[in-house]
Protein backbone atom coordinates (compact mmCIF):
# COMPACT_ATOMS: atom_id res chain seq x y z
CA UNK A 1 222.99 -65.83 41.69
CA UNK A 2 223.28 -65.21 45.42
CA UNK A 3 223.58 -68.91 46.21
CA UNK A 4 226.27 -69.29 43.55
CA UNK A 5 228.22 -66.32 44.93
CA UNK A 6 227.85 -67.66 48.46
CA UNK A 7 229.14 -71.05 47.30
CA UNK A 8 232.17 -69.43 45.65
CA UNK A 9 232.95 -67.43 48.77
CA UNK A 10 232.67 -70.53 50.94
CA UNK A 11 234.94 -72.42 48.54
CA UNK A 12 237.60 -69.72 48.70
CA UNK A 13 237.38 -69.48 52.48
CA UNK A 14 237.72 -73.24 52.81
CA UNK A 15 240.76 -73.26 50.54
CA UNK A 16 242.44 -70.44 52.51
CA UNK A 17 241.70 -72.07 55.87
CA UNK A 18 243.04 -75.41 54.61
CA UNK A 19 246.32 -73.87 53.42
CA UNK A 20 246.55 -71.92 56.68
CA UNK A 21 246.04 -75.11 58.70
CA UNK A 22 248.71 -77.03 56.76
CA UNK A 23 251.20 -74.16 57.00
CA UNK A 24 250.67 -73.31 60.66
CA UNK A 25 249.55 -76.67 62.03
CA UNK A 26 252.57 -76.97 64.33
CA UNK A 27 252.03 -73.45 65.69
CA UNK A 28 248.32 -74.12 66.09
CA UNK A 29 248.91 -77.37 68.01
CA UNK A 30 251.46 -75.66 70.26
CA UNK A 31 249.07 -72.75 70.81
CA UNK A 32 246.19 -75.09 71.73
CA UNK A 33 248.53 -77.01 74.05
CA UNK A 34 249.57 -73.78 75.79
CA UNK A 35 245.93 -72.72 76.19
CA UNK A 36 245.01 -76.11 77.68
CA UNK A 37 248.01 -76.01 79.99
CA UNK A 38 247.12 -72.51 81.13
CA UNK A 39 243.54 -73.53 81.91
CA UNK A 40 244.53 -76.40 84.19
């Protein structure tokens, strides 16, 4: 039961993170670029 629930939670989290990545990929890339530029 616990493993099944854990699997379902992981599945939902993966789905949300995937949709978030596809929606905000441009912003994420720009954000990572700004962070890298600020470090140098």
